[in-house]
N, C-alpha and C. Protein backbone atom coordinates (compact mmCIF):
# COMPACT_ATOMS: atom_id res chain seq x y z
N MET A 1 9.92 -19.33 18.71
CA MET A 1 9.82 -17.96 19.10
C MET A 1 8.43 -17.20 18.68
N LYS A 2 7.56 -16.87 19.64
CA LYS A 2 6.37 -16.23 19.51
C LYS A 2 6.55 -14.65 19.00
N ARG A 3 5.48 -14.37 18.18
CA ARG A 3 5.62 -13.10 17.90
C ARG A 3 4.53 -12.38 18.62
N GLU A 4 4.72 -11.23 19.08
CA GLU A 4 3.89 -10.49 19.91
C GLU A 4 2.68 -9.89 19.15
N LYS A 5 1.66 -9.87 19.67
CA LYS A 5 0.28 -9.29 18.94
C LYS A 5 0.46 -7.74 18.72
N THR A 6 0.30 -7.38 17.54
CA THR A 6 0.52 -5.93 17.23
C THR A 6 -0.59 -5.12 18.08
N LYS A 7 -0.24 -4.01 18.58
CA LYS A 7 -1.10 -3.36 19.53
C LYS A 7 -1.83 -2.19 18.55
N THR A 8 -3.07 -1.98 18.64
CA THR A 8 -3.62 -1.02 17.76
C THR A 8 -4.18 -0.05 18.68
N TYR A 9 -4.02 1.28 18.39
CA TYR A 9 -4.33 2.52 19.19
C TYR A 9 -5.72 3.18 18.44
N THR A 10 -6.37 3.85 19.38
CA THR A 10 -7.25 4.50 18.84
C THR A 10 -6.76 5.98 18.15
N ALA A 11 -7.70 6.41 17.30
CA ALA A 11 -7.19 7.82 16.67
C ALA A 11 -7.06 8.91 17.82
N GLU A 12 -7.95 8.73 18.68
CA GLU A 12 -7.76 9.88 19.91
C GLU A 12 -6.86 9.56 20.83
N PHE A 13 -6.29 8.34 20.99
CA PHE A 13 -5.31 8.39 21.77
C PHE A 13 -3.90 8.64 21.24
N ARG A 14 -3.79 8.44 19.89
CA ARG A 14 -2.70 8.78 18.99
C ARG A 14 -2.59 10.30 19.11
N ALA A 15 -3.71 11.09 18.98
CA ALA A 15 -3.72 12.51 18.87
C ALA A 15 -3.46 13.16 20.34
N SER A 16 -4.01 12.41 21.22
CA SER A 16 -3.72 13.10 22.64
C SER A 16 -2.20 12.74 23.00
N ALA A 17 -1.60 11.54 22.42
CA ALA A 17 -0.19 11.40 22.85
C ALA A 17 0.68 12.33 22.11
N VAL A 18 0.40 12.65 20.94
CA VAL A 18 0.93 13.66 20.03
C VAL A 18 1.00 15.11 20.71
N LYS A 19 0.00 15.35 21.16
CA LYS A 19 -0.28 16.73 21.83
C LYS A 19 0.42 16.87 23.29
N LEU A 20 0.37 15.68 23.90
CA LEU A 20 1.25 15.66 25.19
C LEU A 20 2.66 15.50 24.97
N ALA A 21 3.25 15.22 23.93
CA ALA A 21 4.58 15.00 23.49
C ALA A 21 5.16 16.50 23.06
N ASN A 22 4.33 17.08 22.25
CA ASN A 22 4.57 18.30 21.85
C ASN A 22 4.43 19.36 23.00
N GLU A 23 3.52 19.27 23.86
CA GLU A 23 3.61 20.30 24.94
C GLU A 23 4.33 19.98 26.17
N SER A 24 4.77 18.71 26.34
CA SER A 24 5.43 18.36 27.54
C SER A 24 6.79 18.72 27.52
N SER A 25 7.55 19.11 28.76
CA SER A 25 8.82 19.60 28.62
C SER A 25 9.65 18.38 28.93
N LYS A 26 9.14 17.13 28.86
CA LYS A 26 9.90 15.97 28.97
C LYS A 26 10.31 15.57 27.62
N PRO A 27 11.31 14.67 27.46
CA PRO A 27 11.81 14.25 26.08
C PRO A 27 10.77 13.22 25.76
N VAL A 28 10.59 13.07 24.21
CA VAL A 28 9.74 12.27 23.69
C VAL A 28 9.85 10.83 24.34
N ALA A 29 10.90 10.36 24.48
CA ALA A 29 11.23 8.92 24.79
C ALA A 29 10.56 8.79 26.45
N GLN A 30 10.64 9.81 27.17
CA GLN A 30 10.34 9.68 28.41
C GLN A 30 8.61 9.66 28.27
N THR A 31 8.01 10.39 27.52
CA THR A 31 6.76 10.55 27.28
C THR A 31 6.28 9.19 26.75
N ALA A 32 6.87 8.76 25.77
CA ALA A 32 6.54 7.11 25.23
C ALA A 32 6.55 6.13 26.36
N ARG A 33 7.50 6.18 27.44
CA ARG A 33 7.57 5.25 28.28
C ARG A 33 6.54 5.43 29.28
N ASP A 34 6.22 6.59 29.58
CA ASP A 34 4.98 6.89 30.46
C ASP A 34 3.61 6.42 29.93
N LEU A 35 3.47 6.62 28.57
CA LEU A 35 2.32 6.14 27.86
C LEU A 35 2.39 4.72 27.63
N GLY A 36 3.42 4.17 27.63
CA GLY A 36 3.56 2.53 27.23
C GLY A 36 3.43 2.27 25.86
N VAL A 37 4.25 3.20 25.24
CA VAL A 37 4.18 3.19 23.66
C VAL A 37 5.61 3.20 23.33
N ASN A 38 5.95 2.41 22.25
CA ASN A 38 7.32 2.45 21.62
C ASN A 38 7.76 3.79 21.31
N GLU A 39 8.86 4.16 21.60
CA GLU A 39 9.33 5.51 21.39
C GLU A 39 9.33 5.60 19.88
N ASN A 40 10.03 4.82 18.94
CA ASN A 40 9.75 5.02 17.56
C ASN A 40 8.34 5.34 17.01
N THR A 41 7.42 4.45 17.50
CA THR A 41 5.86 4.80 17.17
C THR A 41 5.52 6.11 17.49
N LEU A 42 5.92 6.65 18.75
CA LEU A 42 5.49 7.98 19.11
C LEU A 42 6.19 9.06 18.27
N HIS A 43 7.29 8.91 17.80
CA HIS A 43 7.89 9.73 16.57
C HIS A 43 7.18 9.81 15.34
N THR A 44 7.03 8.50 14.96
CA THR A 44 5.94 8.30 13.89
C THR A 44 4.55 9.26 14.05
N TRP A 45 4.07 9.12 14.97
CA TRP A 45 2.80 9.77 15.20
C TRP A 45 2.98 11.23 15.07
N ILE A 46 4.07 11.67 15.71
CA ILE A 46 4.25 13.12 15.82
C ILE A 46 4.59 13.44 14.45
N ASN A 47 5.18 12.88 13.77
CA ASN A 47 5.55 13.39 12.22
C ASN A 47 4.33 13.48 11.48
N LYS A 48 3.59 12.29 11.74
CA LYS A 48 2.22 12.31 10.85
C LYS A 48 1.16 13.17 11.14
N TYR A 49 1.04 13.49 12.52
CA TYR A 49 -0.15 14.38 13.14
C TYR A 49 0.24 15.64 13.15
N SER A 50 1.39 16.16 13.13
CA SER A 50 1.94 17.39 13.37
C SER A 50 1.95 18.09 12.05
N GLN A 51 1.85 17.58 10.98
CA GLN A 51 1.76 18.32 9.73
C GLN A 51 0.40 18.97 9.42
N PRO A 52 0.36 19.94 8.84
CA PRO A 52 -0.94 20.69 8.58
C PRO A 52 -1.67 19.82 7.42
N LEU A 53 -3.01 19.65 7.63
CA LEU A 53 -3.67 18.77 6.97
C LEU A 53 -3.94 19.27 5.32
N ASP A 54 -4.14 20.71 5.40
CA ASP A 54 -4.28 20.95 4.08
C ASP A 54 -3.16 21.56 3.24
N GLN A 55 -2.02 20.88 3.50
CA GLN A 55 -0.76 21.24 3.05
C GLN A 55 -0.72 20.92 1.62
N ASP A 56 -1.52 19.90 1.11
CA ASP A 56 -1.51 19.65 -0.38
C ASP A 56 -2.25 20.52 -1.12
N LYS A 57 -3.60 21.03 -0.69
CA LYS A 57 -4.39 21.75 -1.13
C LYS A 57 -3.95 23.19 -1.49
N ALA A 58 -2.79 23.62 -0.52
CA ALA A 58 -2.37 24.96 -0.84
C ALA A 58 -1.60 24.82 -2.20
N VAL A 59 -0.85 23.79 -2.30
CA VAL A 59 0.15 23.74 -3.62
C VAL A 59 -0.54 23.41 -4.73
N ARG A 60 -1.86 22.89 -4.55
CA ARG A 60 -2.47 22.60 -5.88
C ARG A 60 -3.03 23.87 -6.65
N THR A 61 -2.67 23.85 -7.93
CA THR A 61 -3.04 24.97 -8.84
C THR A 61 -3.90 24.49 -10.03
N ASP A 62 -4.32 25.02 -10.87
CA ASP A 62 -5.00 24.70 -12.18
C ASP A 62 -3.92 23.95 -12.96
N ASP A 63 -2.62 24.39 -12.99
CA ASP A 63 -1.54 23.75 -13.86
C ASP A 63 -1.33 22.42 -13.24
N HIS A 64 -1.33 22.31 -11.94
CA HIS A 64 -1.14 21.05 -11.32
C HIS A 64 -2.17 19.84 -11.62
N LEU A 65 -3.44 20.30 -11.77
CA LEU A 65 -4.57 19.66 -12.13
C LEU A 65 -4.51 19.19 -13.60
N TYR A 66 -4.14 20.11 -14.31
CA TYR A 66 -4.00 19.73 -15.70
C TYR A 66 -2.92 18.84 -16.04
N GLU A 67 -1.84 18.97 -15.53
CA GLU A 67 -0.57 17.85 -15.55
C GLU A 67 -1.12 16.59 -15.10
N GLU A 68 -1.99 16.52 -13.79
CA GLU A 68 -2.61 15.36 -13.34
C GLU A 68 -3.35 14.60 -14.15
N LEU A 69 -4.30 15.41 -14.70
CA LEU A 69 -5.30 15.06 -15.62
C LEU A 69 -4.59 14.42 -17.01
N LYS A 70 -3.50 15.05 -17.48
CA LYS A 70 -2.72 14.49 -18.65
C LYS A 70 -2.30 13.21 -18.45
N ARG A 71 -1.61 13.30 -17.22
CA ARG A 71 -1.00 12.02 -16.86
C ARG A 71 -1.81 10.79 -16.67
N LEU A 72 -3.11 11.06 -16.08
CA LEU A 72 -3.90 10.13 -15.95
C LEU A 72 -4.45 9.67 -17.25
N LYS A 73 -4.72 10.33 -18.10
CA LYS A 73 -5.35 10.02 -19.44
C LYS A 73 -4.28 9.04 -20.19
N LYS A 74 -2.95 9.36 -20.09
CA LYS A 74 -2.00 8.59 -20.72
C LYS A 74 -1.90 7.31 -20.19
N GLU A 75 -2.12 7.20 -18.59
CA GLU A 75 -1.95 5.94 -18.22
C GLU A 75 -3.14 5.09 -18.36
N ASN A 76 -4.29 5.76 -18.37
CA ASN A 76 -5.51 5.08 -18.73
C ASN A 76 -5.55 4.49 -20.24
N ALA A 77 -4.78 5.23 -21.15
CA ALA A 77 -4.83 4.66 -22.43
C ALA A 77 -3.85 3.52 -22.44
N ARG A 78 -2.77 3.44 -21.93
CA ARG A 78 -1.76 2.46 -21.74
C ARG A 78 -2.47 1.10 -21.12
N LEU A 79 -3.16 1.48 -19.91
CA LEU A 79 -3.86 0.33 -19.42
C LEU A 79 -4.87 -0.36 -20.26
N THR A 80 -5.62 0.42 -20.83
CA THR A 80 -6.62 -0.03 -22.07
C THR A 80 -6.10 -0.89 -22.88
N GLU A 81 -4.87 -0.42 -23.42
CA GLU A 81 -4.09 -1.07 -24.62
C GLU A 81 -3.63 -2.37 -23.92
N GLU A 82 -3.12 -2.42 -22.99
CA GLU A 82 -2.54 -3.81 -22.03
C GLU A 82 -3.87 -4.66 -21.81
N ARG A 83 -4.96 -4.05 -21.59
CA ARG A 83 -6.06 -4.93 -21.26
C ARG A 83 -6.68 -5.52 -22.46
N ASP A 84 -6.70 -4.90 -23.51
CA ASP A 84 -7.05 -5.45 -24.89
C ASP A 84 -5.97 -6.50 -25.39
N LEU A 85 -4.87 -6.27 -25.18
CA LEU A 85 -3.70 -7.12 -25.66
C LEU A 85 -3.83 -8.28 -24.67
N LEU A 86 -4.12 -8.36 -23.56
CA LEU A 86 -4.15 -9.62 -22.66
C LEU A 86 -5.51 -10.19 -22.92
N LYS A 87 -6.61 -9.59 -23.47
CA LYS A 87 -7.99 -10.23 -23.81
C LYS A 87 -7.64 -11.13 -25.18
N LYS A 88 -6.83 -10.56 -26.21
CA LYS A 88 -6.64 -11.20 -27.33
C LYS A 88 -5.71 -12.55 -27.04
N ALA A 89 -4.57 -12.26 -26.16
CA ALA A 89 -3.71 -13.54 -25.71
C ALA A 89 -4.69 -14.70 -25.10
N ALA A 90 -5.60 -14.16 -24.17
CA ALA A 90 -6.30 -15.28 -23.67
C ALA A 90 -7.29 -15.95 -24.45
N ALA A 91 -7.86 -15.13 -25.49
CA ALA A 91 -8.84 -15.82 -26.53
C ALA A 91 -7.86 -16.84 -27.30
N TYR A 92 -6.79 -16.32 -27.60
CA TYR A 92 -5.66 -17.16 -28.45
C TYR A 92 -5.48 -18.47 -27.80
N PHE A 93 -5.07 -18.40 -26.55
CA PHE A 93 -4.53 -19.56 -25.87
C PHE A 93 -5.84 -20.54 -25.51
N ALA A 94 -6.95 -19.79 -25.33
CA ALA A 94 -8.22 -20.65 -25.06
C ALA A 94 -8.60 -21.52 -26.43
N LYS A 95 -8.41 -21.03 -27.51
CA LYS A 95 -8.70 -21.56 -28.91
C LYS A 95 -7.67 -22.53 -28.92
N GLU A 96 -6.44 -22.45 -28.64
CA GLU A 96 -5.33 -23.41 -28.72
C GLU A 96 -5.56 -24.78 -28.15
N GLN A 97 -6.25 -24.41 -26.98
CA GLN A 97 -6.38 -25.74 -26.12
C GLN A 97 -7.49 -26.75 -26.45
N ARG A 98 -8.47 -26.25 -27.31
CA ARG A 98 -9.66 -26.85 -27.65
C ARG A 98 -9.12 -28.18 -28.70
């Protein structure tokens, strides 16, 4: 059984397809068929491209930034600790093989 090659669409095509689907009085399924696109793909594009781009920016406040900074510092400390432990383990096993 052959797999079909995945089609790739330009950003302009996606945007125009979403605009057409939103402004058209036809159902999304019919619009998808007219464009030669899978119905589920068009629904995915509509969900992705219809959301406001600055949605995350409106929610972010200084408190969110401080919480994120705290979380990232904690994660950085954990990763540094893991890295150091792995370095020691690698050195130990390298010595053992000689």
